[in-house]
Amino acid sequence: MRVHEARLHTRAFSMWSHAHRSIMDCMPYSFLEHTADVRMYVTGRTQEELFCDALLGMIAAARPAPGEAGTTPGGGKPVERTLSVSAPDVTALLIDFLSEALVLMHTEREAYLDAHFLRLDERSLEAELRGYVADSFEEDIKAVTYHEADVKKEKDGTWSTNIVFDI
């Protein structure tokens, strides 16, 4: 997927889930060149924003097709899921969070537009995912890998990491 295509596809997700941030400002994630997989660089002003933006980037990379008619920007029936994840460190927590969301995407055919964190620290989280039923996904993401993942809090207080999706 080219960066331009990802930006166009992501417009609805970004505008709906981050209404406070203009799409023209700067997308919180970008897709980078990778030989066989999808490589994404994601940033956030907070840990919560990093996790939410990583979820939105993964959904954008999967390119969901809307399901049955509903009231969401994606066009499908609205859904909400809660998940809890624990991990030994913040990088593993992000990868495990995205992996759990990916399982739900595949098993329930859902695309998520937002995550509300009921609890989030560097080793555990509980989140409500909100989205819609999707007919299909144009890109089959098989796994969220630990390859290149290294969540860092920068000197300016922002958070960032690379994430590689196995397709």
Foldseek 3Di string as FASTA:
>chain_A
DAQVQLLVLLQQLCCVAPVVDDSVPDQQKTWDDDDAWTKMKGKFLALQRRLFSVLSSVLSVQAFQEDDADDGPNRAHKDKDKDKFFDPFQLVRSQVVSQVVLVCCVPVVWRFSGWDWPDDDTTMTMIMTITGHTPGTPDDFPGKDSVFFDWDQDPVRMIITMIITHD
